[in-house]
Amino acid sequence: MAYSVKLSIEELAALGALIGQPIDQVTTNGWSAELHSGELRQAVIPAEVSTPDSDHPHGVVERPMLSLDGQSLVAGSSSVLAKNLGTLRAINAISTLVAFTPVVDCPAVEILPGVVLPPSRGYGMKFFAPNELAQAQRIVGCEALVDLDIAFELVCDLAPSVVIYTRGYFVHVSVLGLPTDEEWVASNAYVRRPVRPGFKAEPADAMDSR
C-alpha cells in the first residue's frame, strides 16, 4: 500500500513566487511558522494526513502546509527566529519515505510535569530515501509506505539553509541547515528537489495521491 503526501501545486506555486523576494524574518508561535517578505505574511502550519494499513488503522503522517487563505499568526504571540535573511535565491522541497514500525506495548510516559499518558499500544516510524522504495517494500512487506514531503528549505543570500519541517503535529524551523537530530536526516533518508518560479504540475507518479 503506497501513499503520496506532497506539497500541493498551489503551495509549490506560492513558494516559487517568493523566489527573488527578500525574506525579512521567520517567526513561530510554537505550533506553526510564518515567513515575512515585505507586506506578505506566509503562514506554514502542520497538516495531518491519514495513512492507515492493516496493522496501523490509525496511522498518520504530518507535513508542513502553506496556509493559502491569507491568515497570519496571531499578533503578539509569535517569536522571531531569524531576521534579515536577504533575497530568497532558491527553495528545495525535501521528501522522505516513511514506514510504520510494528505495534508494541508502550509504558506510561510523563509528557509534562504532572501530565502522564497511560500505558498504551504504539508504534514509531522508519525512514528510507525515496529512491529506496524496493528495499523498503522488502523490509516492511505489504504495509503502508508513505512518500512524504516532510520539509522545505530556503536558500537566502545571508542564510544558505533555513529548513521548515514537521515533527509530530508541530512545525519546526532550523536556521542552521538540516536538523541533525531528526532520524530522517541522521540516516540520510531524504532527497531534495528544487521548487522553481512559475511551477507547473509534473505527471503523477505511481503512488496514490492522498
Protein backbone atom coordinates (compact mmCIF):
# COMPACT_ATOMS: atom_id res chain seq x y z
CA MET A 1 0.00 0.00 0.00
CA ALA A 2 1.53 3.30 -1.10
CA TYR A 3 0.63 6.86 -0.22
CA SER A 4 1.92 10.15 -1.58
CA VAL A 5 1.68 13.10 0.82
CA LYS A 6 3.17 16.07 -1.00
CA LEU A 7 3.10 19.84 -1.23
CA SER A 8 0.19 20.77 -3.49
CA ILE A 9 0.54 22.51 -6.85
CA GLU A 10 -0.89 25.66 -5.26
CA GLU A 11 1.63 25.55 -2.41
CA LEU A 12 4.54 24.98 -4.80
CA ALA A 13 3.37 27.94 -6.89
CA ALA A 14 3.15 30.13 -3.78
CA LEU A 15 6.65 29.11 -2.72
CA GLY A 16 8.01 29.66 -6.21
CA ALA A 17 6.55 33.17 -6.21
CA LEU A 18 8.72 34.04 -3.20
CA ILE A 19 11.97 33.38 -5.09
CA GLY A 20 13.73 36.66 -5.75
CA GLN A 21 11.97 38.39 -2.86
CA PRO A 22 13.55 39.49 0.43
CA ILE A 23 12.88 37.34 3.49
CA ASP A 24 12.68 39.82 6.33
CA GLN A 25 12.11 37.37 9.16
CA VAL A 26 10.89 33.93 10.17
CA THR A 27 8.67 33.67 13.24
CA THR A 28 6.99 30.92 15.25
CA ASN A 29 4.16 30.64 17.74
CA GLY A 30 5.29 27.20 18.96
CA TRP A 31 2.92 25.31 16.67
CA SER A 32 3.35 26.93 13.26
CA ALA A 33 5.78 29.24 11.50
CA GLU A 34 5.48 32.35 9.36
CA LEU A 35 7.62 33.91 6.64
CA HIS A 36 7.69 37.71 6.31
CA SER A 37 8.52 39.26 2.95
CA GLY A 38 7.65 42.93 2.79
CA GLU A 39 3.91 43.13 3.49
CA LEU A 40 3.40 39.43 2.77
CA ARG A 41 2.85 37.05 5.68
CA GLN A 42 3.03 33.39 4.63
CA ALA A 43 1.96 31.01 7.40
CA VAL A 44 3.16 27.39 7.50
CA ILE A 45 1.00 25.03 9.54
CA PRO A 46 1.16 21.27 10.24
CA ALA A 47 -1.15 19.10 8.14
CA GLU A 48 -2.08 15.64 9.39
CA VAL A 49 -2.89 13.01 6.73
CA SER A 50 -4.36 9.59 7.46
CA THR A 51 -2.20 6.78 6.02
CA PRO A 52 -3.52 3.54 7.57
CA ASP A 53 -2.62 -0.05 6.86
CA SER A 54 -3.92 -3.33 8.27
CA ASP A 55 -1.68 -3.19 11.36
CA HIS A 56 -1.91 0.59 11.83
CA PRO A 57 -5.57 1.53 11.27
CA HIS A 58 -4.94 4.96 12.79
CA GLY A 59 -1.62 5.59 11.04
CA VAL A 60 -0.95 9.23 10.20
CA VAL A 61 1.88 11.39 8.95
CA GLU A 62 2.33 15.17 9.09
CA ARG A 63 3.76 17.61 6.57
CA PRO A 64 4.29 21.39 6.54
CA MET A 65 1.42 23.08 4.68
CA LEU A 66 1.29 26.65 3.42
CA SER A 67 -1.86 28.39 4.59
CA LEU A 68 -3.22 29.91 1.38
CA ASP A 69 -6.17 31.73 2.96
CA GLY A 70 -4.10 34.81 3.82
CA GLN A 71 -4.44 34.38 7.58
CA SER A 72 -1.45 35.46 9.66
CA LEU A 73 -0.29 34.17 13.01
CA VAL A 74 -1.94 35.86 15.97
CA ALA A 75 -0.17 39.18 16.58
CA GLY A 76 1.91 39.29 19.72
CA SER A 77 2.00 35.50 20.19
CA SER A 78 4.99 34.75 17.99
CA SER A 79 8.76 34.97 18.48
CA VAL A 80 11.36 35.84 15.85
CA LEU A 81 13.71 33.01 14.88
CA ALA A 82 15.72 34.84 12.21
CA LYS A 83 15.78 38.33 10.71
CA ASN A 84 17.03 39.99 7.52
CA LEU A 85 17.90 36.83 5.62
CA GLY A 86 18.44 38.66 2.33
CA THR A 87 16.97 37.72 -1.02
CA LEU A 88 15.48 34.25 -1.38
CA ARG A 89 17.51 32.58 -4.15
CA ALA A 90 16.15 29.02 -4.14
CA ILE A 91 13.69 26.69 -2.44
CA ASN A 92 14.01 22.93 -2.13
CA ALA A 93 11.24 20.54 -1.17
CA ILE A 94 12.63 17.72 0.99
CA SER A 95 10.97 14.32 0.91
CA THR A 96 11.45 11.01 2.71
CA LEU A 97 9.87 7.57 2.57
CA VAL A 98 8.08 6.57 5.79
CA ALA A 99 7.17 3.10 7.07
CA PHE A 100 5.50 2.31 10.39
CA THR A 101 7.22 0.03 12.90
CA PRO A 102 5.34 -2.91 14.46
CA VAL A 103 2.75 -2.07 17.11
CA VAL A 104 4.04 -2.80 20.63
CA ASP A 105 3.03 -2.23 24.26
CA CYS A 106 4.27 1.16 25.48
CA PRO A 107 4.71 2.11 29.15
CA ALA A 108 3.22 5.21 30.74
CA VAL A 109 5.06 8.41 29.77
CA GLU A 110 5.17 11.77 31.58
CA ILE A 111 4.95 14.32 28.75
CA LEU A 112 4.74 17.36 31.05
CA PRO A 113 5.18 17.72 34.83
CA GLY A 114 2.11 16.06 36.29
CA VAL A 115 0.74 15.02 32.86
CA VAL A 116 1.11 11.29 32.26
CA LEU A 117 0.00 9.29 29.26
CA PRO A 118 -1.22 5.88 30.45
CA PRO A 119 0.19 2.63 29.07
CA SER A 120 -0.93 2.06 25.51
CA ARG A 121 -0.23 0.32 22.25
CA GLY A 122 2.01 2.34 19.95
CA TYR A 123 4.44 2.39 17.06
CA GLY A 124 7.14 4.52 15.55
CA MET A 125 8.37 5.39 12.09
CA LYS A 126 11.23 4.09 9.98
CA PHE A 127 12.67 6.32 7.27
CA PHE A 128 14.11 5.46 3.86
CA ALA A 129 15.32 7.59 0.99
CA PRO A 130 12.53 7.87 -1.61
CA ASN A 131 14.69 6.06 -4.17
CA GLU A 132 14.85 3.05 -1.81
CA LEU A 133 11.25 2.03 -2.47
CA ALA A 134 12.11 -1.54 -3.48
CA GLN A 135 14.28 -2.00 -0.37
CA ALA A 136 11.56 -0.58 1.87
CA GLN A 137 8.98 -2.89 0.32
CA ARG A 138 11.18 -5.89 1.06
CA ILE A 139 11.59 -4.84 4.69
CA VAL A 140 8.01 -3.84 5.51
CA GLY A 141 6.19 -6.15 3.12
CA CYS A 142 2.71 -5.07 2.09
CA GLU A 143 2.23 -2.48 4.83
CA ALA A 144 1.88 1.25 4.18
CA LEU A 145 4.73 3.23 2.63
CA VAL A 146 4.39 6.99 2.54
CA ASP A 147 6.27 9.27 0.12
CA LEU A 148 6.24 12.33 2.36
CA ASP A 149 7.22 15.96 1.82
CA ILE A 150 8.49 16.42 5.36
CA ALA A 151 10.22 19.79 4.89
CA PHE A 152 11.22 22.61 2.60
CA GLU A 153 14.43 24.58 2.56
CA LEU A 154 15.01 28.29 1.95
CA VAL A 155 18.33 29.36 0.42
CA CYS A 156 18.88 33.08 1.01
CA ASP A 157 21.80 35.45 0.50
CA LEU A 158 22.52 35.66 4.22
CA ALA A 159 21.17 32.25 5.30
CA PRO A 160 22.13 29.38 2.98
CA SER A 161 19.82 26.80 4.58
CA VAL A 162 16.69 27.52 6.64
CA VAL A 163 14.66 24.31 6.95
CA ILE A 164 10.97 24.29 7.87
CA TYR A 165 9.80 20.80 8.80
CA THR A 166 7.29 18.80 10.81
CA ARG A 167 7.89 16.69 13.91
CA GLY A 168 4.58 15.27 15.04
CA TYR A 169 1.82 17.85 14.87
CA PHE A 170 4.20 20.82 15.06
CA VAL A 171 6.11 22.89 12.53
CA HIS A 172 9.75 23.41 13.49
CA VAL A 173 12.37 25.69 11.97
CA SER A 174 16.12 25.09 11.78
CA VAL A 175 18.01 28.24 10.81
CA LEU A 176 21.35 26.37 10.64
CA GLY A 177 20.55 23.82 7.96
CA LEU A 178 19.13 20.33 8.20
CA PRO A 179 18.10 19.33 11.76
CA THR A 180 20.71 16.68 12.53
CA ASP A 181 18.74 15.30 15.50
CA GLU A 182 15.95 14.12 13.17
CA GLU A 183 16.17 10.44 12.20
CA TRP A 184 15.44 11.11 8.53
CA VAL A 185 18.47 13.44 8.44
CA ALA A 186 20.80 11.29 10.58
CA SER A 187 20.12 8.24 8.39
CA ASN A 188 20.41 10.24 5.14
CA ALA A 189 16.87 9.16 4.26
CA TYR A 190 15.81 12.15 2.18
CA VAL A 191 16.13 13.83 -1.19
CA ARG A 192 15.84 17.46 -2.26
CA ARG A 193 14.01 18.67 -5.35
CA PRO A 194 14.05 22.29 -6.48
CA VAL A 195 10.94 24.43 -6.46
CA ARG A 196 11.08 26.78 -9.42
CA PRO A 197 9.37 30.09 -10.16
CA GLY A 198 6.32 29.53 -12.33
CA PHE A 199 5.97 25.95 -11.07
CA LYS A 200 3.92 23.66 -13.31
CA ALA A 201 2.50 20.28 -12.41
CA GLU A 202 4.54 17.22 -13.37
CA PRO A 203 2.98 13.91 -14.42
CA ALA A 204 1.70 11.93 -11.45
CA ASP A 205 3.91 9.07 -10.29
CA ALA A 206 2.84 5.55 -9.48
CA MET A 207 1.85 6.36 -5.91
CA ASP A 208 -1.73 7.26 -4.98
CA SER A 209 -2.24 10.92 -4.13
CA ARG A 210 -3.79 11.44 -0.71
